[in-house]
Structure formats: C-alpha cells, structure tokens
C-alpha cells in the first residue's frame, strides 16, 4: 500500500496514527447552489477510514478545522454516513476527532440536511450495539456539534477549546451581546456534564482507543486528597445503634472506594452531581458498566444524590443495555435529596425513570450494598438480578430518624425503629431481598461480582422480588355470608 493510499500525503491531516484504509477520497462536491465565489475544495474537511489499535481495529472520522473550517457539506456528510455504514457492516466501533465551524453555508440546505443524515447513520450503528467516542477540539460548534459529534457515547475535549452550538460571533449577532469568557468552553461543557473529561490533544488518540476498548485504560482515580477507606469494620454482635454507627462511619469505604478496589480500569462518564459516579470498567477481563454511590463526596458522609446523579445513572444503565454489557452498582446512601431544589429538579421523576431503566435492562445486573441502603434513592440502583450485602450493611424503607418522625413524631424511637425494620444483611437474605451476605474484603466482593456476572440470569430481578412478595402474602377467606 502506498503512503498516499493510507492518507499521509496531506500535511494538513495530522494523524497521530495512520489509516489502514481510507475511504471515499474520490467524492467531490458539485457546488449545488453555484454559490458566488465558492470553489468546492480538493482537501475536504472530513476524512474517514480504518485504524489499528493495540487490541483491534476501529473506524476513525477526522473532521479538521484546518480544512475548510471543518465545515460539513455534502461530501463531508456523505463520507460520514458511509463510514458509519461500513463500521456497522464490519462490527467496528467509531472514534471521532472533531474541530468544526458547523454547516457549510455555501452549500445551503444541501449542507443542513447532513445533520439529519449523519444522525440517522449513527443510530443504525448504535442499534448494532457498537460504540462511539469523540474528541472535541478547538473549535467545535454549529451543526456538527449539534448532530453526530454530540451523539458519541463518551466525549472528551481539549482544555480551553471553544465548544458550543453557536460560536461567539454568532451569539453576539443573534443575542446582541458577546458571551462571557466562561461560556462556550470545554471547561463549561465539563462542568455541566456535556463532556466526560478534558484531555490534551497529544493524549486524545490513546484515550479514544481506551474508551473503545482497543487500548489499555487507566484505573479509577479517586478525588484529589482522597485515599481509600477501610475495607472492613469491627465484627461480632452489634446492637441496632452500633450498627447504624458502623455503617455511617467516616472511616468506612463507600461505593466509590469499592468501585476503585473492584475494577482494573475505568473510563469516566461525567455528571453534574458527584454523589453518584459512573464509568465503563473492566473486572477480571470482563468489560462492564459501573454505577457507584459516594456518600463522602462532600466529606461529611451525607451524600444525598439529587436529580443530576440519577440522570447520570440512567445514562450509564442505557449504555450497558445498548452495548449489552453487565451492569454493576455499589449502593451506599442515607437516601435521595428531598430538598426543595431537588424537588424542583424532578427528584421523584428521576428516581422513577432510573427504576424503569433498571427494570428494562437486557443485560445482567449485579448490586453490592456496601453501606446504607436508604429508601427509594437506594432502591433505584438495587433493582438488579443479583443483590449481595456486605456483612455490616443495612437497607431500609426509610432512615430510622425520618421514620421515627413520620410514625411517632418522637426522635427517641430511632433505635427501636431501626430494629423493627429488620434491615441487616442476614435478615434481608432470609427475606429473599438479597442473595447473600458478603464478607467485607476486596477478594470476596470481587468474587461475588464475577460469579454473578458469569451466572447471568438477566431478568431475574423481577422473579426474585416477586418471590419475596409472595412470601409475605396470605390468603384470607373473603366469603361474605348473607
């Protein structure tokens, strides 16, 4: 194969890795509007083909601002559509590198319809259970950003890049004011959960390959100045008050700590509320999607997940479903955020939709209750095929403090109510809610997860809870005498 054939002769095409095969370089625009002064380019904005990663091939779509401002006209759109179709036919994942000014204005509506065409081709690729990853560079705006580029499963961005639907000049023309420096940036997109990480351009290709699973990925990074908490707590017979103190101890590992211990690699799915973290991970060579609660993200152990936390969880669940990957959840929360702000943000709506996403999941799901399972906020991530509870974990219909306020209006009843709820691992295994009580060691937790995944039983979640419910029913003779 000649150097030209693999796409390295164009100096503007600064690939970190070479195409194995480049597609559709013979396509040239016909200038459909005969637009004054417009000459269809020889070097088109988009180039597509196959690339070899360390552990397999994938398709690369490179849209570069240095070529025609990265704009998308009929040729760019057609190349992208054909690239998705070929990737679908060959069962390959797709990576994008994008820097674009948006639609190619000189091609008018012929350009604009490419937003819809490329999005449809992406949907066909997604339906085949294949993955996409995007690196958004400077700038990424307009119709490219608002179509296929934003549709990637995982999105990273260049620090400092201009990213937004409208570029700053367009924003100023339409609204009458120029956006502040903090708007339309990669950093703003990250803060608002629109991109998953900020990665320098020189590292982006390897990160894209790690996301797609064709190169090694890093391990889960804990927040700065955070170290792993203790694996296990004291054992033996504990009274109800002592159990509560143990499960809420600031020295006890929370869901994120257990996710770090249990996984071998991690690609972060970034959200706006760090009380829930999610990622694409590996456990003993098995690729999985993980959702982990972190009650210590503020440092005080409250960790009440709000609407944004459950939106991230639903994104992760949907990704596991579409890619047919096992889902692993680590539950530890006193409950969901009941504040007025969370209520206005739709907290009940988000919990309900998380439950239905778990119920609809087609792949196997495993939940490990590592601390406190508090009410519906915890149940949303525990509606799984397999549920294991750490030896000193607890799960209840409502936290005993709130329960005492509801039932007795008397906070002194908290400990008594904690016993009455029968929330311990042993009690909930006996009830049929949980499969087993897990010893609080990394080896035991990892073993439980791996064995549960290998057993499969996708859909067992409903049978297990149905059986638990039937066990609590009795039939009363309802015959009425006249």
Protein backbone atom coordinates (compact mmCIF):
# COMPACT_ATOMS: atom_id res chain seq x y z
CA UNK A 1 0.00 0.00 0.00
CA UNK A 2 1.41 3.42 -0.95
CA UNK A 3 1.78 6.27 1.50
CA UNK A 4 -0.87 8.22 -0.42
CA UNK A 5 -3.27 5.28 -0.19
CA UNK A 6 -3.14 5.30 3.59
CA UNK A 7 -3.73 9.03 3.76
CA UNK A 8 -0.44 10.50 4.93
CA UNK A 9 0.45 12.66 1.93
CA UNK A 10 -1.76 15.62 3.01
CA UNK A 11 0.30 17.62 5.50
CA UNK A 12 -2.83 19.24 6.96
CA UNK A 13 -4.02 15.82 8.01
CA UNK A 14 -2.02 15.45 11.21
CA UNK A 15 -2.91 11.92 12.22
CA UNK A 16 -1.22 10.52 15.30
CA UNK A 17 -1.95 7.09 13.81
CA UNK A 18 -2.27 6.15 10.17
CA UNK A 19 -5.27 4.84 8.30
CA UNK A 20 -5.08 1.22 7.34
CA UNK A 21 -7.62 2.04 4.65
CA UNK A 22 -9.01 5.48 3.73
CA UNK A 23 -12.43 5.79 2.15
CA UNK A 24 -14.17 7.95 -0.46
CA UNK A 25 -11.42 10.39 -1.37
CA UNK A 26 -12.89 10.46 -4.88
CA UNK A 27 -16.07 12.26 -3.75
CA UNK A 28 -16.18 15.94 -4.84
CA UNK A 29 -18.97 18.50 -4.33
CA UNK A 30 -20.78 19.82 -7.42
CA UNK A 31 -21.32 23.30 -5.87
CA UNK A 32 -25.10 22.65 -5.73
CA UNK A 33 -26.07 26.34 -5.33
CA UNK A 34 -23.48 27.75 -7.77
CA UNK A 35 -22.65 29.96 -4.81
CA UNK A 36 -20.77 33.18 -5.80
CA UNK A 37 -17.04 32.82 -5.25
CA UNK A 38 -17.29 29.29 -3.88
CA UNK A 39 -14.99 26.64 -5.28
CA UNK A 40 -15.54 23.08 -4.00
CA UNK A 41 -12.41 22.12 -2.07
CA UNK A 42 -9.97 19.46 -3.10
CA UNK A 43 -8.93 18.79 0.51
CA UNK A 44 -12.27 18.11 2.20
CA UNK A 45 -12.93 18.78 5.87
CA UNK A 46 -13.68 15.16 6.72
CA UNK A 47 -11.57 12.08 6.16
CA UNK A 48 -12.59 8.56 7.19
CA UNK A 49 -11.13 5.09 7.31
CA UNK A 50 -9.96 2.22 9.48
CA UNK A 51 -7.21 2.49 12.08
CA UNK A 52 -5.44 -0.21 14.07
CA UNK A 53 -5.42 -0.02 17.86
CA UNK A 54 -3.34 -2.15 20.20
CA UNK A 55 -6.19 -4.65 20.64
CA UNK A 56 -8.16 -4.29 17.42
CA UNK A 57 -9.25 -2.12 14.51
CA UNK A 58 -11.78 0.70 14.59
CA UNK A 59 -13.12 3.41 12.28
CA UNK A 60 -11.84 6.99 12.58
CA UNK A 61 -13.75 10.06 11.39
CA UNK A 62 -11.44 13.08 11.34
CA UNK A 63 -13.12 16.48 10.91
CA UNK A 64 -10.49 19.19 10.99
CA UNK A 65 -10.89 22.99 11.16
CA UNK A 66 -7.68 23.43 9.15
CA UNK A 67 -9.55 22.04 6.12
CA UNK A 68 -12.42 24.30 5.05
CA UNK A 69 -13.06 25.35 8.64
CA UNK A 70 -14.11 21.79 9.41
CA UNK A 71 -17.49 22.59 7.86
CA UNK A 72 -19.91 19.86 6.82
CA UNK A 73 -21.18 19.95 3.27
CA UNK A 74 -22.49 17.19 1.03
CA UNK A 75 -19.12 15.45 0.64
CA UNK A 76 -18.33 15.56 4.35
CA UNK A 77 -21.82 14.34 5.19
CA UNK A 78 -21.68 11.52 2.65
CA UNK A 79 -18.27 10.39 3.88
CA UNK A 80 -19.53 10.31 7.47
CA UNK A 81 -22.69 8.40 6.54
CA UNK A 82 -20.71 5.84 4.54
CA UNK A 83 -18.19 5.50 7.37
CA UNK A 84 -20.94 4.65 9.87
CA UNK A 85 -22.50 2.18 7.43
CA UNK A 86 -19.18 0.42 6.85
CA UNK A 87 -18.46 0.35 10.58
CA UNK A 88 -21.88 -1.19 11.20
CA UNK A 89 -21.39 -3.81 8.50
CA UNK A 90 -17.95 -4.73 9.85
CA UNK A 91 -18.92 -4.61 13.52
CA UNK A 92 -16.39 -1.87 14.32
CA UNK A 93 -16.51 0.93 16.87
CA UNK A 94 -16.06 4.53 15.68
CA UNK A 95 -13.81 7.29 17.04
CA UNK A 96 -14.16 10.93 16.04
CA UNK A 97 -11.69 13.79 16.14
CA UNK A 98 -13.66 16.97 15.60
CA UNK A 99 -12.89 20.65 15.12
CA UNK A 100 -15.54 22.42 13.10
CA UNK A 101 -17.28 25.69 12.38
CA UNK A 102 -20.54 23.82 11.66
CA UNK A 103 -22.58 23.63 8.46
CA UNK A 104 -21.01 24.75 5.16
CA UNK A 105 -23.04 27.85 4.39
CA UNK A 106 -22.11 27.95 0.69
CA UNK A 107 -23.99 24.66 0.20
CA UNK A 108 -27.16 25.87 1.94
CA UNK A 109 -29.82 23.27 2.69
CA UNK A 110 -27.73 20.59 0.98
CA UNK A 111 -25.36 21.10 3.92
CA UNK A 112 -28.00 21.40 6.64
CA UNK A 113 -29.67 18.08 5.83
CA UNK A 114 -26.36 16.34 6.56
CA UNK A 115 -27.12 16.88 10.27
CA UNK A 116 -30.10 14.55 9.91
CA UNK A 117 -28.36 12.07 7.59
CA UNK A 118 -25.32 11.63 9.81
CA UNK A 119 -27.51 11.29 12.90
CA UNK A 120 -29.56 8.55 11.22
CA UNK A 121 -26.40 6.67 10.25
CA UNK A 122 -25.19 6.97 13.86
CA UNK A 123 -28.48 5.50 15.09
CA UNK A 124 -28.07 2.44 12.83
CA UNK A 125 -24.58 1.95 14.25
CA UNK A 126 -25.89 2.26 17.81
CA UNK A 127 -28.67 -0.27 17.12
CA UNK A 128 -25.98 -2.78 16.21
CA UNK A 129 -24.64 -2.48 19.77
CA UNK A 130 -21.46 -0.70 18.68
CA UNK A 131 -19.66 2.08 20.49
CA UNK A 132 -18.57 5.63 19.61
CA UNK A 133 -16.11 8.03 21.25
CA UNK A 134 -15.40 11.67 20.35
CA UNK A 135 -12.57 14.11 20.95
CA UNK A 136 -13.91 17.66 20.62
CA UNK A 137 -11.18 20.12 19.67
CA UNK A 138 -10.91 23.86 19.12
CA UNK A 139 -13.40 24.96 17.92
CA UNK A 140 -16.38 22.59 17.85
CA UNK A 141 -19.57 24.46 17.02
CA UNK A 142 -22.74 24.58 14.96
CA UNK A 143 -24.36 21.78 13.02
CA UNK A 144 -21.50 19.31 13.51
CA UNK A 145 -21.58 19.73 17.30
CA UNK A 146 -25.40 19.59 17.29
CA UNK A 147 -25.60 16.30 15.37
CA UNK A 148 -23.28 13.31 15.14
CA UNK A 149 -20.46 14.82 17.25
CA UNK A 150 -22.67 15.15 20.33
CA UNK A 151 -24.12 11.68 19.78
CA UNK A 152 -20.95 9.87 20.84
CA UNK A 153 -21.25 7.53 23.82
CA UNK A 154 -18.25 9.13 25.52
CA UNK A 155 -16.95 12.63 24.79
CA UNK A 156 -13.61 14.18 25.73
CA UNK A 157 -12.48 17.71 24.92
CA UNK A 158 -9.33 19.77 24.51
CA UNK A 159 -8.75 22.08 27.51
CA UNK A 160 -9.52 25.67 26.54
CA UNK A 161 -11.36 24.73 23.34
CA UNK A 162 -14.32 26.78 22.14
CA UNK A 163 -17.30 24.42 22.28
CA UNK A 164 -20.89 25.46 21.74
CA UNK A 165 -23.86 25.40 19.42
CA UNK A 166 -23.18 28.96 18.27
CA UNK A 167 -19.71 30.42 18.02
CA UNK A 168 -19.09 33.66 19.93
CA UNK A 169 -19.64 35.84 16.84
CA UNK A 170 -22.94 34.15 16.08
CA UNK A 171 -24.05 34.50 19.71
CA UNK A 172 -23.24 38.22 19.64
CA UNK A 173 -25.09 38.78 16.37
CA UNK A 174 -28.23 36.90 17.45
CA UNK A 175 -28.46 37.99 21.09
CA UNK A 176 -26.82 41.39 20.99
CA UNK A 177 -24.10 40.54 23.49
CA UNK A 178 -20.89 38.57 23.40
CA UNK A 179 -20.87 35.52 25.71
CA UNK A 180 -18.63 35.73 28.79
CA UNK A 181 -15.25 34.06 28.73
CA UNK A 182 -16.58 31.30 30.98
CA UNK A 183 -19.23 30.28 28.42
CA UNK A 184 -18.83 28.17 25.26
CA UNK A 185 -15.69 26.48 26.57
CA UNK A 186 -14.57 22.91 27.12
CA UNK A 187 -14.40 23.66 30.84
CA UNK A 188 -18.01 24.88 30.88
CA UNK A 189 -19.11 21.79 28.97
CA UNK A 190 -17.33 19.59 31.52
CA UNK A 191 -18.85 21.40 34.50
CA UNK A 192 -22.30 20.90 33.02
CA UNK A 193 -21.78 17.20 32.26
CA UNK A 194 -21.65 17.62 28.46
CA UNK A 195 -18.17 16.11 28.12
CA UNK A 196 -16.65 13.36 30.22
CA UNK A 197 -13.05 14.54 30.54
CA UNK A 198 -10.60 17.23 29.48
CA UNK A 199 -7.63 15.66 27.69
CA UNK A 200 -4.69 17.39 25.92
CA UNK A 201 -4.64 16.73 22.18
CA UNK A 202 -1.42 14.75 22.30
CA UNK A 203 -3.12 12.20 24.58
CA UNK A 204 -6.50 12.07 22.89
CA UNK A 205 -5.92 9.26 20.41
CA UNK A 206 -4.86 6.81 23.08
CA UNK A 207 -7.77 7.88 25.26
CA UNK A 208 -10.22 7.35 22.40
CA UNK A 209 -8.79 3.87 21.87
CA UNK A 210 -9.06 3.13 25.60
CA UNK A 211 -12.71 4.22 25.56
CA UNK A 212 -13.42 1.91 22.64
CA UNK A 213 -11.63 -0.97 24.36
CA UNK A 214 -8.84 -1.36 21.81
CA UNK A 215 -6.12 0.03 24.12
CA UNK A 216 -5.44 -0.20 27.88
CA UNK A 217 -7.39 2.19 30.10
CA UNK A 218 -6.28 3.79 33.38
CA UNK A 219 -7.60 2.78 36.79
CA UNK A 220 -10.29 4.73 38.62
CA UNK A 221 -8.93 7.93 40.12
CA UNK A 222 -10.37 8.99 43.46
CA UNK A 223 -10.99 12.70 44.05
CA UNK A 224 -7.92 14.72 44.99
CA UNK A 225 -6.66 14.38 48.57
CA UNK A 226 -8.82 11.26 48.97
CA UNK A 227 -7.47 7.86 49.99
CA UNK A 228 -9.24 4.50 50.09
CA UNK A 229 -11.20 3.97 53.28
CA UNK A 230 -11.02 0.82 55.37
CA UNK A 231 -12.28 -2.39 53.78
CA UNK A 232 -13.91 -3.86 56.85
CA UNK A 233 -15.27 -2.73 60.18
CA UNK A 234 -15.41 -4.50 63.52
CA UNK A 235 -17.21 -7.80 63.56
CA UNK A 236 -19.26 -9.62 66.14
CA UNK A 237 -22.66 -8.98 67.65
CA UNK A 238 -23.77 -5.35 67.41
CA UNK A 239 -26.89 -3.72 68.73
CA UNK A 240 -29.05 -1.53 66.47
CA UNK A 241 -27.40 1.76 67.46
CA UNK A 242 -23.94 0.32 66.95
CA UNK A 243 -24.93 -1.00 63.51
CA UNK A 244 -26.04 2.48 62.46
CA UNK A 245 -22.79 3.99 63.73
CA UNK A 246 -20.72 1.39 61.88
CA UNK A 247 -22.50 1.77 58.54
CA UNK A 248 -22.23 5.57 58.69
CA UNK A 249 -18.67 5.73 59.94
CA UNK A 250 -16.46 8.19 58.12
CA UNK A 251 -13.75 5.53 58.14
CA UNK A 252 -15.91 3.04 56.24
CA UNK A 253 -15.49 2.51 52.50
CA UNK A 254 -18.31 3.88 50.36
CA UNK A 255 -19.41 2.85 46.88
CA UNK A 256 -16.67 4.75 45.06
CA UNK A 257 -14.00 3.16 47.26
CA UNK A 258 -15.34 -0.30 46.45
CA UNK A 259 -15.52 0.56 42.74
CA UNK A 260 -11.83 1.53 42.85
CA UNK A 261 -10.95 -1.74 44.60
CA UNK A 262 -13.10 -3.94 42.39
CA UNK A 263 -12.19 -2.63 38.92
CA UNK A 264 -9.00 -2.90 36.88
CA UNK A 265 -9.66 0.02 34.53
CA UNK A 266 -12.09 2.94 34.37
CA UNK A 267 -13.41 5.33 31.71
CA UNK A 268 -15.38 8.02 33.48
CA UNK A 269 -18.89 9.04 32.49
CA UNK A 270 -19.07 12.52 33.92
CA UNK A 271 -22.13 14.02 35.58
CA UNK A 272 -23.07 17.15 37.49
CA UNK A 273 -23.62 15.53 40.91
CA UNK A 274 -20.65 13.54 42.26
CA UNK A 275 -22.77 11.67 44.82
CA UNK A 276 -23.07 9.12 42.02
CA UNK A 277 -20.14 8.20 39.76
CA UNK A 278 -20.35 6.03 36.67
CA UNK A 279 -17.87 4.52 34.28
CA UNK A 280 -17.02 1.85 31.74
CA UNK A 281 -14.69 -0.52 33.56
CA UNK A 282 -13.08 -3.93 33.49
CA UNK A 283 -13.26 -6.55 36.23
CA UNK A 284 -11.05 -9.61 35.76
CA UNK A 285 -11.02 -9.04 31.99
CA UNK A 286 -14.81 -8.53 31.76
CA UNK A 287 -15.95 -5.17 30.37
CA UNK A 288 -18.78 -3.77 32.50
CA UNK A 289 -20.61 -0.54 33.26
CA UNK A 290 -20.37 0.55 36.90
CA UNK A 291 -22.54 2.97 38.88
CA UNK A 292 -21.18 3.79 42.34
CA UNK A 293 -22.66 5.93 45.09
CA UNK A 294 -20.24 8.11 47.03
CA UNK A 295 -21.62 9.37 50.31
CA UNK A 296 -18.33 11.12 51.09
CA UNK A 297 -18.07 13.35 48.02
CA UNK A 298 -18.64 16.38 50.26
CA UNK A 299 -16.51 14.91 53.02
CA UNK A 300 -19.30 14.78 55.59
CA UNK A 301 -20.91 11.44 54.76
CA UNK A 302 -24.31 12.88 53.82
CA UNK A 303 -24.12 12.03 50.11
CA UNK A 304 -27.76 12.66 49.22
CA UNK A 305 -27.99 12.10 45.44
CA UNK A 306 -30.04 14.68 43.56
CA UNK A 307 -31.71 14.66 40.13
CA UNK A 308 -28.42 15.06 38.26
CA UNK A 309 -26.98 12.00 39.98
CA UNK A 310 -29.83 9.80 38.80
CA UNK A 311 -29.64 11.25 35.29
CA UNK A 312 -26.03 10.07 35.14
CA UNK A 313 -27.08 6.66 36.46
CA UNK A 314 -29.73 6.39 33.74
CA UNK A 315 -27.17 7.30 31.08
CA UNK A 316 -24.91 4.51 32.33
CA UNK A 317 -27.76 1.99 32.50
CA UNK A 318 -28.82 2.86 28.95
CA UNK A 319 -25.23 2.40 27.74
CA UNK A 320 -24.98 -1.01 29.42
CA UNK A 321 -28.26 -2.00 27.80
CA UNK A 322 -27.28 -0.86 24.31
CA UNK A 323 -23.77 -2.34 24.42
CA UNK A 324 -25.09 -5.49 26.14
CA UNK A 325 -22.57 -5.09 28.96
CA UNK A 326 -23.11 -6.28 32.55
CA UNK A 327 -24.11 -3.53 34.98
CA UNK A 328 -22.60 -3.36 38.47
CA UNK A 329 -23.94 -0.96 41.10
CA UNK A 330 -22.50 -0.09 44.51
CA UNK A 331 -25.16 1.23 46.87
CA UNK A 332 -24.45 3.47 49.87
CA UNK A 333 -26.71 6.40 50.68
CA UNK A 334 -28.95 7.53 53.55
CA UNK A 335 -31.48 8.43 50.84
CA UNK A 336 -32.10 10.77 47.94
CA UNK A 337 -32.04 14.54 48.33
CA UNK A 338 -35.52 15.69 49.49
CA UNK A 339 -34.75 19.42 49.39
CA UNK A 340 -36.92 22.00 47.55
CA UNK A 341 -34.17 22.39 44.95
CA UNK A 342 -34.12 18.66 44.25
CA UNK A 343 -37.92 18.58 44.19
CA UNK A 344 -38.00 21.36 41.59
CA UNK A 345 -35.38 19.43 39.61
CA UNK A 346 -37.63 16.37 39.46
CA UNK A 347 -36.03 14.04 42.02
CA UNK A 348 -39.03 11.68 42.13
CA UNK A 349 -39.22 11.70 38.34
CA UNK A 350 -35.53 10.80 38.05
CA UNK A 351 -35.73 8.00 40.63
CA UNK A 352 -38.80 6.58 38.88
CA UNK A 353 -37.11 6.62 35.49
CA UNK A 354 -33.97 5.05 36.95
CA UNK A 355 -36.09 2.19 38.31
CA UNK A 356 -37.76 1.67 34.93
CA UNK A 357 -34.35 1.74 33.21
CA UNK A 358 -33.12 -0.95 35.60
CA UNK A 359 -36.30 -2.96 35.00
CA UNK A 360 -35.85 -2.75 31.22
CA UNK A 361 -32.14 -3.63 31.23
CA UNK A 362 -31.47 -6.55 28.87
CA UNK A 363 -28.04 -7.44 30.25
CA UNK A 364 -27.24 -8.98 33.64
CA UNK A 365 -27.07 -6.63 36.63
CA UNK A 366 -25.31 -7.01 39.98
CA UNK A 367 -25.78 -4.79 43.04
CA UNK A 368 -23.49 -4.74 46.06
CA UNK A 369 -24.89 -2.91 49.09
CA UNK A 370 -21.70 -1.69 50.73
CA UNK A 371 -23.11 0.61 53.39
CA UNK A 372 -26.54 2.08 53.91
CA UNK A 373 -29.44 1.50 51.56
CA UNK A 374 -31.79 4.34 52.26
CA UNK A 375 -35.31 4.25 50.78
CA UNK A 376 -36.14 4.83 47.11
CA UNK A 377 -32.87 6.58 46.36
CA UNK A 378 -31.06 3.32 47.09
CA UNK A 379 -33.73 1.03 45.65
CA UNK A 380 -33.32 2.76 42.27
CA UNK A 381 -29.88 1.13 41.90
CA UNK A 382 -30.69 -2.10 43.74
CA UNK A 383 -33.37 -3.34 41.32
CA UNK A 384 -30.91 -5.86 39.90
CA UNK A 385 -30.69 -9.54 39.05
CA UNK A 386 -28.25 -10.24 41.87
CA UNK A 387 -28.03 -8.38 45.20
CA UNK A 388 -25.25 -9.01 47.70
CA UNK A 389 -24.91 -7.18 51.01
CA UNK A 390 -21.70 -6.60 52.92
CA UNK A 391 -21.74 -8.12 56.38
CA UNK A 392 -22.47 -4.85 58.22
CA UNK A 393 -24.56 -3.12 55.57
CA UNK A 394 -28.17 -2.08 56.16
CA UNK A 395 -31.15 -1.44 53.90
CA UNK A 396 -34.43 0.09 55.00
CA UNK A 397 -37.64 1.57 53.68
CA UNK A 398 -36.65 4.90 55.22
CA UNK A 399 -33.87 6.02 57.53
CA UNK A 400 -34.87 5.38 61.15
CA UNK A 401 -34.61 9.06 62.10
CA UNK A 402 -37.06 10.11 59.38
CA UNK A 403 -39.19 7.04 60.08
CA UNK A 404 -39.47 7.97 63.76
CA UNK A 405 -40.56 11.47 62.77
CA UNK A 406 -43.25 10.05 60.45
CA UNK A 407 -44.59 7.24 62.66
CA UNK A 408 -44.10 8.58 66.18
CA UNK A 409 -43.05 12.22 65.93
CA UNK A 410 -40.50 11.18 68.50
CA UNK A 411 -36.75 11.05 67.71
CA UNK A 412 -36.10 8.90 70.76
CA UNK A 413 -37.74 6.00 68.90
CA UNK A 414 -34.97 5.87 66.28
CA UNK A 415 -33.07 2.87 67.69
CA UNK A 416 -36.25 0.92 68.37
CA UNK A 417 -37.47 1.54 64.83
CA UNK A 418 -34.10 0.55 63.39
CA UNK A 419 -34.55 -2.90 64.94
CA UNK A 420 -38.16 -3.16 63.78
CA UNK A 421 -37.24 -2.56 60.13
CA UNK A 422 -35.13 -5.76 60.12
CA UNK A 423 -32.55 -4.08 57.85
CA UNK A 424 -29.49 -6.28 58.31
CA UNK A 425 -27.83 -8.40 55.65
CA UNK A 426 -28.78 -11.63 57.43
CA UNK A 427 -32.42 -10.54 57.74
CA UNK A 428 -32.68 -9.41 54.14
CA UNK A 429 -31.10 -12.59 52.83
CA UNK A 430 -33.71 -14.51 54.82
CA UNK A 431 -36.50 -12.36 53.34
CA UNK A 432 -35.32 -13.06 49.80
CA UNK A 433 -34.29 -9.48 49.01
CA UNK A 434 -30.57 -10.30 48.87
CA UNK A 435 -28.71 -13.34 47.59
CA UNK A 436 -26.03 -13.47 50.22
CA UNK A 437 -24.08 -11.78 52.98
CA UNK A 438 -20.58 -10.91 51.71
CA UNK A 439 -17.51 -10.72 53.91
CA UNK A 440 -16.03 -7.23 53.77
CA UNK A 441 -12.86 -7.93 51.80
CA UNK A 442 -11.87 -6.94 48.28
CA UNK A 443 -11.42 -10.57 47.28
CA UNK A 444 -14.91 -11.56 48.47
CA UNK A 445 -16.61 -8.59 46.81
CA UNK A 446 -14.82 -9.14 43.52
CA UNK A 447 -15.57 -12.87 43.64
CA UNK A 448 -19.28 -12.21 44.21
CA UNK A 449 -19.45 -9.79 41.27
CA UNK A 450 -17.59 -12.05 38.84
CA UNK A 451 -19.54 -15.16 39.79
CA UNK A 452 -22.85 -13.30 39.50
CA UNK A 453 -21.96 -12.00 36.04
CA UNK A 454 -20.97 -15.48 34.90
CA UNK A 455 -24.25 -16.93 36.19
CA UNK A 456 -26.12 -14.44 34.02
CA UNK A 457 -29.84 -14.64 34.87
CA UNK A 458 -30.69 -11.34 33.19
CA UNK A 459 -34.27 -10.56 34.19
CA UNK A 460 -34.03 -12.48 37.49
CA UNK A 461 -34.64 -9.18 39.30
CA UNK A 462 -38.38 -9.46 38.85
CA UNK A 463 -38.64 -13.14 39.80
CA UNK A 464 -36.62 -12.54 42.97
CA UNK A 465 -38.79 -9.66 44.15
CA UNK A 466 -41.99 -11.46 43.16
CA UNK A 467 -40.93 -14.43 45.30
CA UNK A 468 -40.12 -12.11 48.21
CA UNK A 469 -43.56 -10.54 47.91
CA UNK A 470 -45.42 -13.85 47.69
CA UNK A 471 -43.65 -14.96 50.86
CA UNK A 472 -45.23 -12.03 52.70
CA UNK A 473 -48.78 -12.71 51.48
CA UNK A 474 -51.53 -14.78 52.97
CA UNK A 475 -54.96 -15.64 51.60
CA UNK A 476 -57.92 -14.69 53.75
CA UNK A 477 -61.33 -16.31 53.28
CA UNK A 478 -63.31 -13.44 51.85
CA UNK A 479 -66.65 -15.30 51.69
CA UNK A 480 -69.43 -12.99 52.82
CA UNK A 481 -72.49 -14.56 54.38
CA UNK A 482 -75.92 -13.10 53.64
